[in-house]
């Protein structure tokens, strides 16, 4: 039983790292642009589908870590310039919510048209096992995915705190009028933030692609989890998002050892509801 619990918690910790990274993209976009990006899950799916094609064409999954973020950045720039830049400042949040909802359908149907509806898989790029205790081993790739996600989160936090562009992003999120008066190109900061958040979602798809079946609508589940994490963590709060991702994933992982997976998921969501009842503004309010 101890082995089962340990493996379940390890899987939950890996998923927590990935979902925290994906959720940070959602948090970044909301905190900066006040956009509830319903299309975030579709961008995650684009990352996974693009990984399949890059791996198939170039023969190595590793190329996806470079190619897919570039592909997603181009798509995000096109989306921003053709839709969102006209409906950010001075428009109600419902407007951008409807736009992003429409974008989700467009992106998912485009993926379905290109990729097809049949699930596909790619081989494990790091097919080795790491010994834990006794005869128990754990996937080396899953450990890599967790470490890579944590590195991406750490790099993002350092970027926001230590660089001039990060300072501009934080300044614009607090008061875009004052930031503009100080000479900051607010539209450029908005576009960069949207692209950065979208790329984080796509990188999550890159990391998850070797661990699960790839489908055009695979972003639905992670979108729900990401929204729960962002709400419970506190809208716009990066530390709160990370903490909420850990609570959601670890509680689900532990409960799934003793209960049916569906029931365990419901109970873990009950934990999150309890946290919201205790702190309606989120664990760490922005």
C-alpha atoms as a PDB file:
ATOM      1  CA  UNK A   1       0.000   0.000   0.000  1.00  0.00           C
ATOM      2  CA  UNK A   2       2.861   2.386   0.775  1.00  0.00           C
ATOM      3  CA  UNK A   3       4.226   1.870  -2.748  1.00  0.00           C
ATOM      4  CA  UNK A   4       0.838   2.641  -4.284  1.00  0.00           C
ATOM      5  CA  UNK A   5       0.432   5.813  -2.216  1.00  0.00           C
ATOM      6  CA  UNK A   6       3.954   6.977  -3.059  1.00  0.00           C
ATOM      7  CA  UNK A   7       3.463   6.447  -6.800  1.00  0.00           C
ATOM      8  CA  UNK A   8       0.056   8.125  -6.718  1.00  0.00           C
ATOM      9  CA  UNK A   9       1.464  11.161  -4.939  1.00  0.00           C
ATOM     10  CA  UNK A  10       4.384  11.306  -7.373  1.00  0.00           C
ATOM     11  CA  UNK A  11       2.009  11.277 -10.338  1.00  0.00           C
ATOM     12  CA  UNK A  12      -0.046  13.975  -8.629  1.00  0.00           C
ATOM     13  CA  UNK A  13       3.064  16.099  -8.008  1.00  0.00           C
ATOM     14  CA  UNK A  14       4.074  15.821 -11.674  1.00  0.00           C
ATOM     15  CA  UNK A  15       0.589  16.840 -12.788  1.00  0.00           C
ATOM     16  CA  UNK A  16       0.610  19.701 -10.260  1.00  0.00           C
ATOM     17  CA  UNK A  17       3.799  21.089 -11.802  1.00  0.00           C
ATOM     18  CA  UNK A  18       2.388  20.938 -15.326  1.00  0.00           C
ATOM     19  CA  UNK A  19      -1.017  22.373 -14.419  1.00  0.00           C
ATOM     20  CA  UNK A  20       0.635  25.139 -12.391  1.00  0.00           C
ATOM     21  CA  UNK A  21       2.627  26.173 -15.462  1.00  0.00           C
ATOM     22  CA  UNK A  22      -0.444  26.088 -17.711  1.00  0.00           C
ATOM     23  CA  UNK A  23      -2.525  27.941 -15.104  1.00  0.00           C
ATOM     24  CA  UNK A  24       0.137  30.644 -14.792  1.00  0.00           C
ATOM     25  CA  UNK A  25      -0.446  31.449 -18.445  1.00  0.00           C
ATOM     26  CA  UNK A  26      -4.136  31.875 -17.675  1.00  0.00           C
ATOM     27  CA  UNK A  27      -3.308  33.985 -14.606  1.00  0.00           C
ATOM     28  CA  UNK A  28      -0.887  36.144 -16.551  1.00  0.00           C
ATOM     29  CA  UNK A  29      -3.429  36.891 -19.275  1.00  0.00           C
ATOM     30  CA  UNK A  30      -6.198  37.673 -16.795  1.00  0.00           C
ATOM     31  CA  UNK A  31      -4.005  39.734 -14.472  1.00  0.00           C
ATOM     32  CA  UNK A  32      -2.668  41.818 -17.346  1.00  0.00           C
ATOM     33  CA  UNK A  33      -5.492  42.011 -19.874  1.00  0.00           C
ATOM     34  CA  UNK A  34      -8.533  41.136 -17.673  1.00  0.00           C
ATOM     35  CA  UNK A  35      -9.386  38.431 -20.222  1.00  0.00           C
ATOM     36  CA  UNK A  36     -10.887  35.127 -19.097  1.00  0.00           C
ATOM     37  CA  UNK A  37      -9.276  33.105 -21.870  1.00  0.00           C
ATOM     38  CA  UNK A  38     -11.616  30.194 -22.594  1.00  0.00           C
ATOM     39  CA  UNK A  39      -9.375  29.294 -25.563  1.00  0.00           C
ATOM     40  CA  UNK A  40      -6.479  28.459 -23.220  1.00  0.00           C
ATOM     41  CA  UNK A  41      -7.313  24.743 -23.292  1.00  0.00           C
ATOM     42  CA  UNK A  42      -7.336  24.756 -27.103  1.00  0.00           C
ATOM     43  CA  UNK A  43      -3.851  26.310 -27.046  1.00  0.00           C
ATOM     44  CA  UNK A  44      -2.730  23.460 -24.810  1.00  0.00           C
ATOM     45  CA  UNK A  45      -4.163  21.023 -27.372  1.00  0.00           C
ATOM     46  CA  UNK A  46      -2.366  22.883 -30.174  1.00  0.00           C
ATOM     47  CA  UNK A  47       0.866  22.323 -28.287  1.00  0.00           C
ATOM     48  CA  UNK A  48       0.228  18.562 -28.057  1.00  0.00           C
ATOM     49  CA  UNK A  49      -0.914  18.194 -31.683  1.00  0.00           C
ATOM     50  CA  UNK A  50       2.036  20.254 -32.945  1.00  0.00           C
ATOM     51  CA  UNK A  51       4.329  18.028 -30.875  1.00  0.00           C
ATOM     52  CA  UNK A  52       2.943  14.983 -32.669  1.00  0.00           C
ATOM     53  CA  UNK A  53       3.689  16.466 -36.082  1.00  0.00           C
ATOM     54  CA  UNK A  54       7.114  17.821 -35.153  1.00  0.00           C
ATOM     55  CA  UNK A  55       8.113  14.476 -33.631  1.00  0.00           C
ATOM     56  CA  UNK A  56       6.805  12.568 -36.654  1.00  0.00           C
ATOM     57  CA  UNK A  57       8.452  14.813 -39.229  1.00  0.00           C
ATOM     58  CA  UNK A  58      11.796  15.460 -37.523  1.00  0.00           C
ATOM     59  CA  UNK A  59      12.132  12.155 -35.711  1.00  0.00           C
ATOM     60  CA  UNK A  60      12.751  13.550 -32.236  1.00  0.00           C
ATOM     61  CA  UNK A  61      10.469  14.923 -29.541  1.00  0.00           C
ATOM     62  CA  UNK A  62      13.216  17.291 -28.366  1.00  0.00           C
ATOM     63  CA  UNK A  63      12.702  19.565 -31.391  1.00  0.00           C
ATOM     64  CA  UNK A  64       9.186  20.270 -30.082  1.00  0.00           C
ATOM     65  CA  UNK A  65      10.579  22.207 -27.118  1.00  0.00           C
ATOM     66  CA  UNK A  66      11.822  24.811 -29.599  1.00  0.00           C
ATOM     67  CA  UNK A  67       9.449  24.532 -32.558  1.00  0.00           C
ATOM     68  CA  UNK A  68       6.093  24.374 -30.754  1.00  0.00           C
ATOM     69  CA  UNK A  69       6.553  27.585 -28.677  1.00  0.00           C
ATOM     70  CA  UNK A  70       7.437  29.397 -31.912  1.00  0.00           C
ATOM     71  CA  UNK A  71       4.357  27.993 -33.663  1.00  0.00           C
ATOM     72  CA  UNK A  72       2.139  28.984 -30.740  1.00  0.00           C
ATOM     73  CA  UNK A  73       3.690  32.453 -30.567  1.00  0.00           C
ATOM     74  CA  UNK A  74       2.835  33.073 -34.226  1.00  0.00           C
ATOM     75  CA  UNK A  75      -0.744  31.836 -33.736  1.00  0.00           C
ATOM     76  CA  UNK A  76      -1.153  33.964 -30.587  1.00  0.00           C
ATOM     77  CA  UNK A  77       0.132  37.091 -32.365  1.00  0.00           C
ATOM     78  CA  UNK A  78      -2.354  36.563 -35.199  1.00  0.00           C
ATOM     79  CA  UNK A  79      -5.200  36.017 -32.703  1.00  0.00           C
ATOM     80  CA  UNK A  80      -4.309  39.125 -30.732  1.00  0.00           C
ATOM     81  CA  UNK A  81      -3.868  41.419 -33.736  1.00  0.00           C
ATOM     82  CA  UNK A  82      -7.066  40.290 -35.446  1.00  0.00           C
ATOM     83  CA  UNK A  83      -9.429  40.128 -32.469  1.00  0.00           C
ATOM     84  CA  UNK A  84      -8.400  40.909 -28.914  1.00  0.00           C
ATOM     85  CA  UNK A  85      -6.546  44.184 -29.466  1.00  0.00           C
ATOM     86  CA  UNK A  86      -9.798  45.824 -30.501  1.00  0.00           C
ATOM     87  CA  UNK A  87     -11.716  44.643 -27.423  1.00  0.00           C
ATOM     88  CA  UNK A  88      -9.597  45.125 -24.300  1.00  0.00           C
ATOM     89  CA  UNK A  89      -9.653  48.641 -22.854  1.00  0.00           C
ATOM     90  CA  UNK A  90     -13.048  50.187 -22.320  1.00  0.00           C
ATOM     91  CA  UNK A  91     -15.069  47.066 -23.083  1.00  0.00           C
ATOM     92  CA  UNK A  92     -16.847  44.830 -20.556  1.00  0.00           C
ATOM     93  CA  UNK A  93     -15.225  41.520 -19.652  1.00  0.00           C
ATOM     94  CA  UNK A  94     -18.185  39.689 -21.196  1.00  0.00           C
ATOM     95  CA  UNK A  95     -17.049  40.902 -24.620  1.00  0.00           C
ATOM     96  CA  UNK A  96     -13.622  39.295 -24.393  1.00  0.00           C
ATOM     97  CA  UNK A  97     -15.206  36.224 -22.792  1.00  0.00           C
ATOM     98  CA  UNK A  98     -17.422  35.757 -25.848  1.00  0.00           C
ATOM     99  CA  UNK A  99     -14.473  36.353 -28.189  1.00  0.00           C
ATOM    100  CA  UNK A 100     -12.288  33.779 -26.452  1.00  0.00           C
ATOM    101  CA  UNK A 101     -15.184  31.308 -26.383  1.00  0.00           C
ATOM    102  CA  UNK A 102     -15.545  31.670 -30.133  1.00  0.00           C
ATOM    103  CA  UNK A 103     -11.796  31.296 -30.575  1.00  0.00           C
ATOM    104  CA  UNK A 104     -11.918  28.038 -28.639  1.00  0.00           C
ATOM    105  CA  UNK A 105     -14.428  26.568 -31.096  1.00  0.00           C
ATOM    106  CA  UNK A 106     -12.470  27.834 -34.106  1.00  0.00           C
ATOM    107  CA  UNK A 107      -9.171  26.396 -32.864  1.00  0.00           C
ATOM    108  CA  UNK A 108     -10.680  23.060 -31.834  1.00  0.00           C
ATOM    109  CA  UNK A 109     -12.493  22.612 -35.142  1.00  0.00           C
ATOM    110  CA  UNK A 110      -9.312  23.528 -37.024  1.00  0.00           C
ATOM    111  CA  UNK A 111      -7.425  20.875 -35.050  1.00  0.00           C
ATOM    112  CA  UNK A 112     -10.175  18.334 -35.756  1.00  0.00           C
ATOM    113  CA  UNK A 113     -10.005  19.130 -39.474  1.00  0.00           C
ATOM    114  CA  UNK A 114      -6.209  18.821 -39.603  1.00  0.00           C
ATOM    115  CA  UNK A 115      -5.528  16.111 -37.023  1.00  0.00           C
ATOM    116  CA  UNK A 116      -8.714  14.048 -37.171  1.00  0.00           C
ATOM    117  CA  UNK A 117     -10.741  12.692 -34.281  1.00  0.00           C
ATOM    118  CA  UNK A 118      -8.803   9.477 -33.639  1.00  0.00           C
ATOM    119  CA  UNK A 119      -6.463   9.561 -30.624  1.00  0.00           C
ATOM    120  CA  UNK A 120      -2.765   9.254 -31.409  1.00  0.00           C
ATOM    121  CA  UNK A 121       0.358   8.742 -29.347  1.00  0.00           C
ATOM    122  CA  UNK A 122       4.047   9.477 -29.531  1.00  0.00           C
ATOM    123  CA  UNK A 123       6.771   7.295 -27.997  1.00  0.00           C
ATOM    124  CA  UNK A 124       8.306   8.090 -24.625  1.00  0.00           C
ATOM    125  CA  UNK A 125      11.342  10.299 -25.417  1.00  0.00           C
ATOM    126  CA  UNK A 126      13.136   9.266 -22.217  1.00  0.00           C
ATOM    127  CA  UNK A 127      12.345   5.567 -21.750  1.00  0.00           C
ATOM    128  CA  UNK A 128      14.215   4.897 -18.550  1.00  0.00           C
ATOM    129  CA  UNK A 129      13.124   4.217 -14.984  1.00  0.00           C
ATOM    130  CA  UNK A 130      14.416   5.864 -11.822  1.00  0.00           C
ATOM    131  CA  UNK A 131      14.719   3.532  -8.787  1.00  0.00           C
ATOM    132  CA  UNK A 132      12.839   4.806  -5.741  1.00  0.00           C
ATOM    133  CA  UNK A 133      12.812   2.237  -2.950  1.00  0.00           C
ATOM    134  CA  UNK A 134      12.957  -1.528  -3.012  1.00  0.00           C
ATOM    135  CA  UNK A 135      11.877  -2.735  -6.448  1.00  0.00           C
ATOM    136  CA  UNK A 136       9.743   0.332  -7.090  1.00  0.00           C
ATOM    137  CA  UNK A 137      10.754   2.514 -10.034  1.00  0.00           C
ATOM    138  CA  UNK A 138       9.335   5.647 -11.609  1.00  0.00           C
ATOM    139  CA  UNK A 139       9.292   7.085 -15.131  1.00  0.00           C
ATOM    140  CA  UNK A 140      12.331   9.216 -15.845  1.00  0.00           C
ATOM    141  CA  UNK A 141      10.363  11.253 -18.367  1.00  0.00           C
ATOM    142  CA  UNK A 142       7.692  12.202 -15.832  1.00  0.00           C
ATOM    143  CA  UNK A 143      10.416  13.474 -13.508  1.00  0.00           C
ATOM    144  CA  UNK A 144      11.870  15.468 -16.408  1.00  0.00           C
ATOM    145  CA  UNK A 145       8.429  16.951 -17.171  1.00  0.00           C
ATOM    146  CA  UNK A 146       8.033  18.069 -13.563  1.00  0.00           C
ATOM    147  CA  UNK A 147      11.533  19.572 -13.401  1.00  0.00           C
ATOM    148  CA  UNK A 148      11.063  21.346 -16.732  1.00  0.00           C
ATOM    149  CA  UNK A 149       7.721  22.800 -15.571  1.00  0.00           C
ATOM    150  CA  UNK A 150       9.277  24.061 -12.330  1.00  0.00           C
ATOM    151  CA  UNK A 151      12.173  25.566 -14.289  1.00  0.00           C
ATOM    152  CA  UNK A 152       9.711  27.340 -16.595  1.00  0.00           C
ATOM    153  CA  UNK A 153       7.782  28.700 -13.596  1.00  0.00           C
ATOM    154  CA  UNK A 154      10.987  29.884 -11.916  1.00  0.00           C
ATOM    155  CA  UNK A 155      12.173  31.523 -15.138  1.00  0.00           C
ATOM    156  CA  UNK A 156       8.835  33.316 -15.511  1.00  0.00           C
ATOM    157  CA  UNK A 157       8.919  34.634 -11.933  1.00  0.00           C
ATOM    158  CA  UNK A 158      12.531  35.798 -12.341  1.00  0.00           C
ATOM    159  CA  UNK A 159      11.654  37.424 -15.667  1.00  0.00           C
ATOM    160  CA  UNK A 160       8.757  39.366 -14.158  1.00  0.00           C
ATOM    161  CA  UNK A 161      10.828  40.535 -11.175  1.00  0.00           C
ATOM    162  CA  UNK A 162      14.303  41.104 -12.637  1.00  0.00           C
ATOM    163  CA  UNK A 163      13.905  42.399 -16.196  1.00  0.00           C
ATOM    164  CA  UNK A 164      12.793  45.745 -17.591  1.00  0.00           C
ATOM    165  CA  UNK A 165      10.084  44.114 -19.683  1.00  0.00           C
ATOM    166  CA  UNK A 166       8.856  42.299 -16.575  1.00  0.00           C
ATOM    167  CA  UNK A 167       8.707  45.661 -14.794  1.00  0.00           C
ATOM    168  CA  UNK A 168       6.688  47.079 -17.676  1.00  0.00           C
ATOM    169  CA  UNK A 169       4.254  44.155 -17.447  1.00  0.00           C
ATOM    170  CA  UNK A 170       3.761  44.689 -13.719  1.00  0.00           C
ATOM    171  CA  UNK A 171       3.434  48.455 -14.127  1.00  0.00           C
ATOM    172  CA  UNK A 172       0.895  48.128 -16.932  1.00  0.00           C
ATOM    173  CA  UNK A 173      -1.205  45.671 -14.931  1.00  0.00           C
ATOM    174  CA  UNK A 174      -1.424  48.161 -12.056  1.00  0.00           C
ATOM    175  CA  UNK A 175      -2.222  51.306 -14.078  1.00  0.00           C
ATOM    176  CA  UNK A 176      -2.052  51.244 -17.869  1.00  0.00           C
ATOM    177  CA  UNK A 177      -2.740  55.000 -18.169  1.00  0.00           C
ATOM    178  CA  UNK A 178       0.213  55.952 -15.962  1.00  0.00           C
ATOM    179  CA  UNK A 179       2.414  53.358 -17.666  1.00  0.00           C
ATOM    180  CA  UNK A 180       1.542  54.836 -21.050  1.00  0.00           C
ATOM    181  CA  UNK A 181       2.298  58.364 -19.776  1.00  0.00           C
ATOM    182  CA  UNK A 182       5.708  57.111 -18.634  1.00  0.00           C
ATOM    183  CA  UNK A 183       6.537  56.028 -22.181  1.00  0.00           C
ATOM    184  CA  UNK A 184       5.689  52.316 -21.981  1.00  0.00           C
ATOM    185  CA  UNK A 185       4.131  50.901 -25.146  1.00  0.00           C
ATOM    186  CA  UNK A 186       1.019  49.446 -23.515  1.00  0.00           C
ATOM    187  CA  UNK A 187      -0.338  47.700 -26.666  1.00  0.00           C
ATOM    188  CA  UNK A 188       3.017  45.952 -27.157  1.00  0.00           C
ATOM    189  CA  UNK A 189       3.072  44.852 -23.515  1.00  0.00           C
ATOM    190  CA  UNK A 190      -0.466  43.508 -23.853  1.00  0.00           C
ATOM    191  CA  UNK A 191       0.420  41.527 -26.968  1.00  0.00           C
ATOM    192  CA  UNK A 192       3.612  40.141 -25.427  1.00  0.00           C
ATOM    193  CA  UNK A 193       1.717  39.065 -22.299  1.00  0.00           C
ATOM    194  CA  UNK A 194      -0.945  37.282 -24.330  1.00  0.00           C
ATOM    195  CA  UNK A 195       1.713  35.513 -26.394  1.00  0.00           C
ATOM    196  CA  UNK A 196       3.652  34.509 -23.274  1.00  0.00           C
ATOM    197  CA  UNK A 197       0.558  33.081 -21.570  1.00  0.00           C
ATOM    198  CA  UNK A 198      -0.396  31.181 -24.720  1.00  0.00           C
ATOM    199  CA  UNK A 199       3.095  29.728 -25.078  1.00  0.00           C
ATOM    200  CA  UNK A 200       2.960  28.428 -21.491  1.00  0.00           C
ATOM    201  CA  UNK A 201      -0.220  26.532 -22.369  1.00  0.00           C
ATOM    202  CA  UNK A 202       1.394  25.088 -25.502  1.00  0.00           C
ATOM    203  CA  UNK A 203       4.514  24.000 -23.590  1.00  0.00           C
ATOM    204  CA  UNK A 204       2.212  22.153 -21.214  1.00  0.00           C
ATOM    205  CA  UNK A 205       0.854  20.293 -24.250  1.00  0.00           C
ATOM    206  CA  UNK A 206       4.411  19.467 -25.348  1.00  0.00           C
ATOM    207  CA  UNK A 207       5.232  17.939 -21.968  1.00  0.00           C
ATOM    208  CA  UNK A 208       1.986  15.976 -21.617  1.00  0.00           C
ATOM    209  CA  UNK A 209       1.910  14.623 -25.205  1.00  0.00           C
ATOM    210  CA  UNK A 210       4.219  11.624 -24.512  1.00  0.00           C
ATOM    211  CA  UNK A 211       2.229  10.731 -21.383  1.00  0.00           C
ATOM    212  CA  UNK A 212      -1.305  10.578 -22.774  1.00  0.00           C
ATOM    213  CA  UNK A 213      -3.387  10.181 -25.934  1.00  0.00           C
ATOM    214  CA  UNK A 214      -3.446  13.239 -28.172  1.00  0.00           C
ATOM    215  CA  UNK A 215      -6.858  14.481 -29.325  1.00  0.00           C
ATOM    216  CA  UNK A 216      -8.174  17.828 -30.633  1.00  0.00           C
ATOM    217  CA  UNK A 217     -10.348  18.371 -27.540  1.00  0.00           C
ATOM    218  CA  UNK A 218      -7.840  17.238 -24.910  1.00  0.00           C
ATOM    219  CA  UNK A 219      -7.722  20.775 -23.541  1.00  0.00           C
ATOM    220  CA  UNK A 220     -11.199  20.557 -21.969  1.00  0.00           C
ATOM    221  CA  UNK A 221     -10.135  18.773 -18.794  1.00  0.00           C
ATOM    222  CA  UNK A 222      -7.058  20.870 -18.128  1.00  0.00           C
ATOM    223  CA  UNK A 223      -9.021  24.057 -18.815  1.00  0.00           C
ATOM    224  CA  UNK A 224     -11.443  23.169 -16.017  1.00  0.00           C
ATOM    225  CA  UNK A 225      -8.597  22.340 -13.632  1.00  0.00           C
ATOM    226  CA  UNK A 226      -6.721  25.505 -14.610  1.00  0.00           C
ATOM    227  CA  UNK A 227      -9.745  27.718 -13.910  1.00  0.00           C
ATOM    228  CA  UNK A 228     -10.277  26.035 -10.543  1.00  0.00           C
ATOM    229  CA  UNK A 229      -6.615  26.578  -9.686  1.00  0.00           C
ATOM    230  CA  UNK A 230      -6.669  30.234 -10.761  1.00  0.00           C
ATOM    231  CA  UNK A 231      -9.900  30.980  -8.840  1.00  0.00           C
ATOM    232  CA  UNK A 232      -8.836  29.198  -5.659  1.00  0.00           C
ATOM    233  CA  UNK A 233      -5.322  30.625  -5.822  1.00  0.00           C
ATOM    234  CA  UNK A 234      -6.668  34.155  -6.279  1.00  0.00           C
ATOM    235  CA  UNK A 235      -7.131  35.829  -9.654  1.00  0.00           C
ATOM    236  CA  UNK A 236      -3.797  37.291 -10.769  1.00  0.00           C
ATOM    237  CA  UNK A 237      -1.769  35.682  -7.959  1.00  0.00           C
ATOM    238  CA  UNK A 238       1.193  33.630  -9.208  1.00  0.00           C
ATOM    239  CA  UNK A 239       2.107  32.121  -5.779  1.00  0.00           C
ATOM    240  CA  UNK A 240      -1.557  31.374  -5.139  1.00  0.00           C
ATOM    241  CA  UNK A 241      -1.858  29.594  -8.485  1.00  0.00           C
ATOM    242  CA  UNK A 242       1.120  27.347  -7.703  1.00  0.00           C
ATOM    243  CA  UNK A 243      -0.197  26.535  -4.213  1.00  0.00           C
ATOM    244  CA  UNK A 244      -3.710  25.784  -5.486  1.00  0.00           C
ATOM    245  CA  UNK A 245      -2.322  23.461  -8.187  1.00  0.00           C
ATOM    246  CA  UNK A 246      -0.463  21.485  -5.531  1.00  0.00           C
ATOM    247  CA  UNK A 247      -3.531  21.230  -3.274  1.00  0.00           C
ATOM    248  CA  UNK A 248      -5.838  20.113  -6.113  1.00  0.00           C
ATOM    249  CA  UNK A 249      -3.458  17.532  -7.577  1.00  0.00           C
ATOM    250  CA  UNK A 250      -2.137  16.062  -4.328  1.00  0.00           C
ATOM    251  CA  UNK A 251      -5.586  15.766  -2.754  1.00  0.00           C
ATOM    252  CA  UNK A 252      -6.896  14.062  -5.900  1.00  0.00           C
ATOM    253  CA  UNK A 253      -3.872  11.757  -6.026  1.00  0.00           C
ATOM    254  CA  UNK A 254      -4.179  10.706  -2.397  1.00  0.00           C
ATOM    255  CA  UNK A 255      -7.943  10.228  -2.483  1.00  0.00           C
ATOM    256  CA  UNK A 256      -7.752   8.151  -5.688  1.00  0.00           C
ATOM    257  CA  UNK A 257      -5.824   5.513  -3.742  1.00  0.00           C
ATOM    258  CA  UNK A 258      -8.801   4.855  -1.466  1.00  0.00           C
ATOM    259  CA  UNK A 259     -11.784   5.778  -3.650  1.00  0.00           C
ATOM    260  CA  UNK A 260     -13.023   5.446  -7.216  1.00  0.00           C
ATOM    261  CA  UNK A 261     -11.178   7.988  -9.467  1.00  0.00           C
ATOM    262  CA  UNK A 262     -14.405   9.824 -10.328  1.00  0.00           C
ATOM    263  CA  UNK A 263     -15.396  10.052  -6.669  1.00  0.00           C
ATOM    264  CA  UNK A 264     -11.854  11.094  -5.732  1.00  0.00           C
ATOM    265  CA  UNK A 265     -11.998  13.899  -8.288  1.00  0.00           C
ATOM    266  CA  UNK A 266     -15.287  15.107  -6.868  1.00  0.00           C
ATOM    267  CA  UNK A 267     -13.914  15.005  -3.328  1.00  0.00           C
ATOM    268  CA  UNK A 268     -10.801  16.951  -4.332  1.00  0.00           C
ATOM    269  CA  UNK A 269     -13.045  19.582  -5.895  1.00  0.00           C
ATOM    270  CA  UNK A 270     -14.946  19.628  -2.598  1.00  0.00           C
ATOM    271  CA  UNK A 271     -11.663  20.491  -0.894  1.00  0.00           C
ATOM    272  CA  UNK A 272     -11.264  23.435  -3.263  1.00  0.00           C
ATOM    273  CA  UNK A 273     -14.837  24.575  -2.576  1.00  0.00           C
ATOM    274  CA  UNK A 274     -14.074  24.444   1.147  1.00  0.00           C
ATOM    275  CA  UNK A 275     -11.025  26.648   0.615  1.00  0.00           C
ATOM    276  CA  UNK A 276     -13.140  29.151  -1.326  1.00  0.00           C
ATOM    277  CA  UNK A 277     -15.717  29.140   1.474  1.00  0.00           C
ATOM    278  CA  UNK A 278     -12.900  29.930   3.906  1.00  0.00           C
ATOM    279  CA  UNK A 279     -11.253  32.512   1.638  1.00  0.00           C
ATOM    280  CA  UNK A 280     -13.677  33.664  -1.104  1.00  0.00           C
ATOM    281  CA  UNK A 281     -11.036  36.002  -2.553  1.00  0.00           C
ATOM    282  CA  UNK A 282      -8.592  33.109  -3.040  1.00  0.00           C
ATOM    283  CA  UNK A 283      -5.730  31.679  -1.013  1.00  0.00           C
ATOM    284  CA  UNK A 284      -3.328  34.489  -1.891  1.00  0.00           C
ATOM    285  CA  UNK A 285      -5.229  37.434  -3.238  1.00  0.00           C
ATOM    286  CA  UNK A 286      -3.438  39.443  -5.920  1.00  0.00           C
END
